[in-house]
PDB file of N, CA and C in Angstrom:
ATOM      1  N   MET A   1      -9.306  -3.146  -0.534  1.00  0.00           N
ATOM      2  CA  MET A   1      -9.806  -1.999  -1.440  1.00  0.00           C
ATOM      3  C   MET A   1      -8.825  -1.775  -2.187  1.00  0.00           C
ATOM      4  N   ALA A   2      -9.303  -1.765  -3.142  1.00  0.00           N
ATOM      5  CA  ALA A   2      -8.071  -1.341  -4.658  1.00  0.00           C
ATOM      6  C   ALA A   2      -7.384  -0.174  -4.247  1.00  0.00           C
ATOM      7  N   ASP A   3      -6.546   0.078  -4.697  1.00  0.00           N
ATOM      8  CA  ASP A   3      -5.581   1.215  -4.798  1.00  0.00           C
ATOM      9  C   ASP A   3      -6.352   1.954  -6.132  1.00  0.00           C
ATOM     10  N   PHE A   4      -5.821   3.383  -6.104  1.00  0.00           N
ATOM     11  CA  PHE A   4      -6.385   4.395  -7.090  1.00  0.00           C
ATOM     12  C   PHE A   4      -5.333   5.407  -7.295  1.00  0.00           C
ATOM     13  N   LYS A   5      -5.329   6.293  -8.189  1.00  0.00           N
ATOM     14  CA  LYS A   5      -4.206   7.409  -8.074  1.00  0.00           C
ATOM     15  C   LYS A   5      -5.565   8.523  -8.412  1.00  0.00           C
ATOM     16  N   TYR A   6      -4.967   9.900  -8.030  1.00  0.00           N
ATOM     17  CA  TYR A   6      -5.790  10.772  -8.167  1.00  0.00           C
ATOM     18  C   TYR A   6      -4.668  12.048  -8.069  1.00  0.00           C
ATOM     19  N   GLU A   7      -5.271  12.995  -9.170  1.00  0.00           N
ATOM     20  CA  GLU A   7      -4.194  14.200  -9.040  1.00  0.00           C
ATOM     21  C   GLU A   7      -5.077  15.514  -9.325  1.00  0.00           C
ATOM     22  N   ILE A   8      -4.989  16.079  -8.298  1.00  0.00           N
ATOM     23  CA  ILE A   8      -5.916  17.511  -8.487  1.00  0.00           C
ATOM     24  C   ILE A   8      -5.219  18.444  -9.426  1.00  0.00           C
ATOM     25  N   VAL A   9      -6.004  18.606 -10.579  1.00  0.00           N
ATOM     26  CA  VAL A   9      -5.506  19.331 -11.866  1.00  0.00           C
ATOM     27  C   VAL A   9      -5.728  20.703 -11.474  1.00  0.00           C
ATOM     28  N   LYS A  10      -6.558  21.207 -10.686  1.00  0.00           N
ATOM     29  CA  LYS A  10      -7.161  22.848 -10.350  1.00  0.00           C
ATOM     30  C   LYS A  10      -8.034  22.457  -9.066  1.00  0.00           C
ATOM     31  N   LYS A  11      -7.522  23.243  -8.197  1.00  0.00           N
ATOM     32  CA  LYS A  11      -8.536  23.784  -6.950  1.00  0.00           C
ATOM     33  C   LYS A  11      -9.380  24.817  -7.212  1.00  0.00           C
ATOM     34  N   ILE A  12     -10.700  24.644  -7.266  1.00  0.00           N
ATOM     35  CA  ILE A  12     -11.549  25.521  -7.926  1.00  0.00           C
ATOM     36  C   ILE A  12     -12.120  26.451  -6.326  1.00  0.00           C
ATOM     37  N   GLY A  13     -12.233  25.620  -5.250  1.00  0.00           N
ATOM     38  CA  GLY A  13     -12.805  26.652  -4.348  1.00  0.00           C
ATOM     39  C   GLY A  13     -13.367  25.653  -3.195  1.00  0.00           C
ATOM     40  N   VAL A  14     -13.210  26.368  -2.037  1.00  0.00           N
ATOM     41  CA  VAL A  14     -13.810  25.583  -0.708  1.00  0.00           C
ATOM     42  C   VAL A  14     -15.289  25.784  -0.418  1.00  0.00           C
ATOM     43  N   LEU A  15     -16.029  25.219  -0.376  1.00  0.00           N
ATOM     44  CA  LEU A  15     -17.376  25.383  -0.009  1.00  0.00           C
ATOM     45  C   LEU A  15     -17.476  25.471   1.510  1.00  0.00           C
ATOM     46  N   SER A  16     -16.961  24.621   2.143  1.00  0.00           N
ATOM     47  CA  SER A  16     -17.235  24.919   3.740  1.00  0.00           C
ATOM     48  C   SER A  16     -16.136  24.238   4.496  1.00  0.00           C
ATOM     49  N   GLU A  17     -15.717  24.727   5.838  1.00  0.00           N
ATOM     50  CA  GLU A  17     -14.922  23.767   6.665  1.00  0.00           C
ATOM     51  C   GLU A  17     -15.663  23.635   8.011  1.00  0.00           C
ATOM     52  N   ASN A  18     -15.102  22.293   8.662  1.00  0.00           N
ATOM     53  CA  ASN A  18     -15.699  21.863   9.878  1.00  0.00           C
ATOM     54  C   ASN A  18     -14.817  22.122  10.758  1.00  0.00           C
ATOM     55  N   ALA A  19     -15.156  21.815  12.090  1.00  0.00           N
ATOM     56  CA  ALA A  19     -14.529  22.048  13.165  1.00  0.00           C
ATOM     57  C   ALA A  19     -13.072  21.345  13.368  1.00  0.00           C
ATOM     58  N   ARG A  20     -12.926  20.083  12.383  1.00  0.00           N
ATOM     59  CA  ARG A  20     -11.940  19.274  12.463  1.00  0.00           C
ATOM     60  C   ARG A  20     -11.011  19.859  11.340  1.00  0.00           C
ATOM     61  N   GLY A  21     -11.228  20.926  10.755  1.00  0.00           N
ATOM     62  CA  GLY A  21     -10.495  21.284   9.788  1.00  0.00           C
ATOM     63  C   GLY A  21     -10.681  20.607   8.539  1.00  0.00           C
ATOM     64  N   TRP A  22     -11.606  19.476   8.313  1.00  0.00           N
ATOM     65  CA  TRP A  22     -11.878  19.109   6.857  1.00  0.00           C
ATOM     66  C   TRP A  22     -12.830  20.044   5.979  1.00  0.00           C
ATOM     67  N   THR A  23     -12.591  20.033   4.639  1.00  0.00           N
ATOM     68  CA  THR A  23     -12.776  21.007   3.738  1.00  0.00           C
ATOM     69  C   THR A  23     -13.883  20.327   2.935  1.00  0.00           C
ATOM     70  N   LYS A  24     -14.950  20.977   2.514  1.00  0.00           N
ATOM     71  CA  LYS A  24     -15.913  20.533   1.372  1.00  0.00           C
ATOM     72  C   LYS A  24     -15.306  21.243   0.283  1.00  0.00           C
ATOM     73  N   GLU A  25     -14.908  20.768  -0.816  1.00  0.00           N
ATOM     74  CA  GLU A  25     -14.449  21.496  -1.876  1.00  0.00           C
ATOM     75  C   GLU A  25     -14.871  21.280  -3.246  1.00  0.00           C
ATOM     76  N   LEU A  26     -14.746  21.922  -4.175  1.00  0.00           N
ATOM     77  CA  LEU A  26     -14.860  21.903  -5.676  1.00  0.00           C
ATOM     78  C   LEU A  26     -13.626  21.711  -6.248  1.00  0.00           C
ATOM     79  N   ASN A  27     -13.201  20.775  -6.721  1.00  0.00           N
ATOM     80  CA  ASN A  27     -11.922  20.829  -7.695  1.00  0.00           C
ATOM     81  C   ASN A  27     -12.213  19.834  -8.757  1.00  0.00           C
ATOM     82  N   LEU A  28     -11.206  19.965  -9.998  1.00  0.00           N
ATOM     83  CA  LEU A  28     -11.124  19.398 -11.179  1.00  0.00           C
ATOM     84  C   LEU A  28      -9.835  18.163 -10.963  1.00  0.00           C
ATOM     85  N   ILE A  29     -10.153  17.186 -10.774  1.00  0.00           N
ATOM     86  CA  ILE A  29      -9.419  15.914 -10.524  1.00  0.00           C
ATOM     87  C   ILE A  29      -9.582  15.029 -11.632  1.00  0.00           C
ATOM     88  N   ARG A  30      -8.130  14.316 -11.755  1.00  0.00           N
ATOM     89  CA  ARG A  30      -8.069  13.439 -12.553  1.00  0.00           C
ATOM     90  C   ARG A  30      -7.921  12.035 -11.572  1.00  0.00           C
ATOM     91  N   TRP A  31      -8.667  11.270 -12.160  1.00  0.00           N
ATOM     92  CA  TRP A  31      -8.956   9.678 -11.441  1.00  0.00           C
ATOM     93  C   TRP A  31      -8.313   8.688 -12.413  1.00  0.00           C
ATOM     94  N   ASN A  32      -7.177   8.055 -11.709  1.00  0.00           N
ATOM     95  CA  ASN A  32      -6.795   6.958 -12.408  1.00  0.00           C
ATOM     96  C   ASN A  32      -6.180   7.127 -14.091  1.00  0.00           C
ATOM     97  N   ASP A  33      -5.505   8.493 -13.850  1.00  0.00           N
ATOM     98  CA  ASP A  33      -5.047   8.681 -15.371  1.00  0.00           C
ATOM     99  C   ASP A  33      -6.092   8.915 -16.473  1.00  0.00           C
ATOM    100  N   ARG A  34      -7.385   9.150 -15.874  1.00  0.00           N
ATOM    101  CA  ARG A  34      -8.309   9.586 -17.055  1.00  0.00           C
ATOM    102  C   ARG A  34      -8.776  10.858 -17.001  1.00  0.00           C
ATOM    103  N   ASP A  35      -9.535  11.298 -17.962  1.00  0.00           N
ATOM    104  CA  ASP A  35      -9.856  12.872 -18.333  1.00  0.00           C
ATOM    105  C   ASP A  35     -10.106  13.108 -16.922  1.00  0.00           C
ATOM    106  N   PRO A  36      -9.854  14.595 -16.612  1.00  0.00           N
ATOM    107  CA  PRO A  36     -10.101  14.966 -15.496  1.00  0.00           C
ATOM    108  C   PRO A  36     -11.776  15.329 -15.380  1.00  0.00           C
ATOM    109  N   LYS A  37     -12.481  15.156 -14.014  1.00  0.00           N
ATOM    110  CA  LYS A  37     -13.922  15.370 -13.905  1.00  0.00           C
ATOM    111  C   LYS A  37     -13.850  16.622 -12.708  1.00  0.00           C
ATOM    112  N   TYR A  38     -15.107  17.119 -12.750  1.00  0.00           N
ATOM    113  CA  TYR A  38     -15.399  18.103 -11.706  1.00  0.00           C
ATOM    114  C   TYR A  38     -15.379  17.281 -10.378  1.00  0.00           C
ATOM    115  N   ASP A  39     -15.411  17.745  -9.017  1.00  0.00           N
ATOM    116  CA  ASP A  39     -15.267  16.509  -8.185  1.00  0.00           C
ATOM    117  C   ASP A  39     -15.840  17.385  -6.692  1.00  0.00           C
ATOM    118  N   VAL A  40     -16.909  17.215  -6.019  1.00  0.00           N
ATOM    119  CA  VAL A  40     -17.286  17.769  -4.760  1.00  0.00           C
ATOM    120  C   VAL A  40     -16.859  16.581  -3.772  1.00  0.00           C
ATOM    121  N   ARG A  41     -16.112  16.876  -2.612  1.00  0.00           N
ATOM    122  CA  ARG A  41     -16.087  15.878  -1.492  1.00  0.00           C
ATOM    123  C   ARG A  41     -15.266  16.729  -0.512  1.00  0.00           C
ATOM    124  N   GLU A  42     -15.310  16.144   0.837  1.00  0.00           N
ATOM    125  CA  GLU A  42     -14.483  16.629   1.758  1.00  0.00           C
ATOM    126  C   GLU A  42     -13.254  16.128   1.620  1.00  0.00           C
ATOM    127  N   TRP A  43     -12.474  16.722   2.229  1.00  0.00           N
ATOM    128  CA  TRP A  43     -10.934  16.690   2.044  1.00  0.00           C
ATOM    129  C   TRP A  43     -10.141  16.765   3.725  1.00  0.00           C
ATOM    130  N   GLY A  44      -9.149  16.103   4.151  1.00  0.00           N
ATOM    131  CA  GLY A  44      -8.543  16.154   5.294  1.00  0.00           C
ATOM    132  C   GLY A  44      -7.822  17.487   5.093  1.00  0.00           C
ATOM    133  N   PRO A  45      -7.205  17.899   6.012  1.00  0.00           N
ATOM    134  CA  PRO A  45      -6.381  19.051   5.983  1.00  0.00           C
ATOM    135  C   PRO A  45      -5.381  19.158   5.271  1.00  0.00           C
ATOM    136  N   ASP A  46      -4.641  17.963   5.040  1.00  0.00           N
ATOM    137  CA  ASP A  46      -3.270  17.908   4.413  1.00  0.00           C
ATOM    138  C   ASP A  46      -3.655  17.075   2.893  1.00  0.00           C
ATOM    139  N   HIS A  47      -4.899  16.846   2.607  1.00  0.00           N
ATOM    140  CA  HIS A  47      -5.362  16.306   1.164  1.00  0.00           C
ATOM    141  C   HIS A  47      -4.875  14.741   1.002  1.00  0.00           C
ATOM    142  N   GLU A  48      -4.379  14.105   1.996  1.00  0.00           N
ATOM    143  CA  GLU A  48      -4.241  12.634   2.097  1.00  0.00           C
ATOM    144  C   GLU A  48      -5.239  11.990   2.269  1.00  0.00           C
ATOM    145  N   LYS A  49      -6.424  12.390   3.038  1.00  0.00           N
ATOM    146  CA  LYS A  49      -7.550  11.696   3.416  1.00  0.00           C
ATOM    147  C   LYS A  49      -8.944  12.248   2.523  1.00  0.00           C
ATOM    148  N   MET A  50      -9.789  11.496   2.315  1.00  0.00           N
ATOM    149  CA  MET A  50     -10.924  12.010   1.511  1.00  0.00           C
ATOM    150  C   MET A  50     -12.402  11.126   1.988  1.00  0.00           C
ATOM    151  N   GLY A  51     -13.085  11.794   2.279  1.00  0.00           N
ATOM    152  CA  GLY A  51     -14.393  11.269   1.948  1.00  0.00           C
ATOM    153  C   GLY A  51     -15.249  10.781   0.740  1.00  0.00           C
ATOM    154  N   LYS A  52     -16.189  10.574   0.826  1.00  0.00           N
ATOM    155  CA  LYS A  52     -17.042  10.205  -0.387  1.00  0.00           C
ATOM    156  C   LYS A  52     -17.358  11.558  -1.096  1.00  0.00           C
ATOM    157  N   GLY A  53     -17.568  11.531  -2.350  1.00  0.00           N
ATOM    158  CA  GLY A  53     -17.747  12.407  -2.763  1.00  0.00           C
ATOM    159  C   GLY A  53     -18.585  12.096  -4.405  1.00  0.00           C
ATOM    160  N   ILE A  54     -18.882  13.228  -5.144  1.00  0.00           N
ATOM    161  CA  ILE A  54     -19.385  12.583  -6.233  1.00  0.00           C
ATOM    162  C   ILE A  54     -18.737  13.606  -7.759  1.00  0.00           C
ATOM    163  N   THR A  55     -18.676  13.038  -8.795  1.00  0.00           N
ATOM    164  CA  THR A  55     -17.747  13.613  -9.672  1.00  0.00           C
ATOM    165  C   THR A  55     -18.916  14.009 -10.837  1.00  0.00           C
ATOM    166  N   PHE A  56     -18.298  14.877 -11.728  1.00  0.00           N
ATOM    167  CA  PHE A  56     -19.558  15.613 -12.935  1.00  0.00           C
ATOM    168  C   PHE A  56     -18.504  15.365 -14.103  1.00  0.00           C
ATOM    169  N   THR A  57     -18.807  15.128 -15.054  1.00  0.00           N
ATOM    170  CA  THR A  57     -18.010  15.367 -16.452  1.00  0.00           C
ATOM    171  C   THR A  57     -18.608  16.953 -16.721  1.00  0.00           C
ATOM    172  N   ALA A  58     -17.944  17.613 -17.690  1.00  0.00           N
ATOM    173  CA  ALA A  58     -18.012  18.959 -18.054  1.00  0.00           C
ATOM    174  C   ALA A  58     -19.654  19.226 -18.520  1.00  0.00           C
ATOM    175  N   GLU A  59     -20.229  18.030 -19.067  1.00  0.00           N
ATOM    176  CA  GLU A  59     -21.664  18.251 -19.740  1.00  0.00           C
ATOM    177  C   GLU A  59     -22.712  18.391 -18.352  1.00  0.00           C
ATOM    178  N   GLU A  60     -22.069  17.138 -17.596  1.00  0.00           N
ATOM    179  CA  GLU A  60     -23.024  17.464 -16.245  1.00  0.00           C
ATOM    180  C   GLU A  60     -22.870  18.416 -15.427  1.00  0.00           C
ATOM    181  N   MET A  61     -21.860  19.293 -15.575  1.00  0.00           N
ATOM    182  CA  MET A  61     -21.427  20.428 -14.567  1.00  0.00           C
ATOM    183  C   MET A  61     -22.158  21.488 -15.508  1.00  0.00           C
ATOM    184  N   GLU A  62     -22.163  21.676 -16.557  1.00  0.00           N
ATOM    185  CA  GLU A  62     -23.195  22.674 -17.584  1.00  0.00           C
ATOM    186  C   GLU A  62     -24.730  22.367 -17.102  1.00  0.00           C
ATOM    187  N   ASN A  63     -25.140  21.582 -16.909  1.00  0.00           N
ATOM    188  CA  ASN A  63     -26.480  21.040 -16.736  1.00  0.00           C
ATOM    189  C   ASN A  63     -26.912  21.431 -15.186  1.00  0.00           C
ATOM    190  N   LEU A  64     -26.051  20.901 -14.283  1.00  0.00           N
ATOM    191  CA  LEU A  64     -25.929  21.402 -12.826  1.00  0.00           C
ATOM    192  C   LEU A  64     -26.100  23.051 -12.569  1.00  0.00           C
ATOM    193  N   LEU A  65     -24.944  23.568 -13.376  1.00  0.00           N
ATOM    194  CA  LEU A  65     -25.251  25.075 -13.187  1.00  0.00           C
ATOM    195  C   LEU A  65     -26.318  25.607 -13.830  1.00  0.00           C
ATOM    196  N   ALA A  66     -26.837  25.197 -14.996  1.00  0.00           N
ATOM    197  CA  ALA A  66     -28.312  25.664 -15.120  1.00  0.00           C
ATOM    198  C   ALA A  66     -29.211  25.500 -14.451  1.00  0.00           C
ATOM    199  N   LEU A  67     -29.623  24.447 -13.973  1.00  0.00           N
ATOM    200  CA  LEU A  67     -30.143  23.918 -12.727  1.00  0.00           C
ATOM    201  C   LEU A  67     -30.032  24.934 -11.414  1.00  0.00           C
ATOM    202  N   LEU A  68     -29.212  25.230 -11.085  1.00  0.00           N
ATOM    203  CA  LEU A  68     -28.758  26.029  -9.959  1.00  0.00           C
ATOM    204  C   LEU A  68     -29.004  27.216 -10.123  1.00  0.00           C
ATOM    205  N   GLN A  69     -29.044  28.069 -11.152  1.00  0.00           N
ATOM    206  CA  GLN A  69     -29.390  29.255 -11.947  1.00  0.00           C
ATOM    207  C   GLN A  69     -30.767  29.398 -11.625  1.00  0.00           C
ATOM    208  N   GLU A  70     -31.381  28.686 -11.904  1.00  0.00           N
ATOM    209  CA  GLU A  70     -33.016  28.345 -12.035  1.00  0.00           C
ATOM    210  C   GLU A  70     -33.611  28.443 -10.201  1.00  0.00           C
ATOM    211  N   LEU A  71     -32.737  27.962  -9.293  1.00  0.00           N
ATOM    212  CA  LEU A  71     -33.023  27.657  -8.221  1.00  0.00           C
ATOM    213  C   LEU A  71     -33.296  29.057  -7.235  1.00  0.00           C
ATOM    214  N   GLU A  72     -34.132  29.068  -6.269  1.00  0.00           N
ATOM    215  CA  GLU A  72     -34.389  29.965  -5.935  1.00  0.00           C
ATOM    216  C   GLU A  72     -33.932  29.485  -4.269  1.00  0.00           C
ATOM    217  N   VAL A  73     -32.828  29.884  -3.612  1.00  0.00           N
ATOM    218  CA  VAL A  73     -32.350  29.350  -2.302  1.00  0.00           C
ATOM    219  C   VAL A  73     -33.033  30.000  -1.245  1.00  0.00           C
ATOM    220  N   SER A  74     -33.694  29.247  -0.085  1.00  0.00           N
ATOM    221  CA  SER A  74     -34.670  29.565   0.927  1.00  0.00           C
ATOM    222  C   SER A  74     -33.829  29.343   1.966  1.00  0.00           C
ATOM    223  N   GLU A  75     -34.179  30.241   2.970  1.00  0.00           N
ATOM    224  CA  GLU A  75     -33.216  30.274   4.372  1.00  0.00           C
ATOM    225  C   GLU A  75     -34.164  29.465   5.225  1.00  0.00           C
ATOM    226  N   GLU A  76     -35.190  28.994   4.767  1.00  0.00           N
ATOM    227  CA  GLU A  76     -36.188  28.320   5.620  1.00  0.00           C
ATOM    228  C   GLU A  76     -35.958  26.660   5.709  1.00  0.00           C
ATOM    229  N   LEU A  77     -35.036  26.364   4.872  1.00  0.00           N
ATOM    230  CA  LEU A  77     -34.072  24.735   4.687  1.00  0.00           C
ATOM    231  C   LEU A  77     -34.252  24.187   5.886  1.00  0.00           C
TER     232      LEU A  77
END
């Protein structure tokens, strides 16, 4: 597996934490010295290990936010 670099530019917030101390977070991350992107993924307690995640450009995040604002969250899920 190829090495990659990342820098957490801004910690935005924690969405949840599991029993092992891993947190699902929204952060602004710079991957391989490229422009930062919004990123949602699970992180180990020390932020050295990470799970698979998804990244969003600023435009994609704006579109996601608009969709979420239209969404009616149901507890029946």
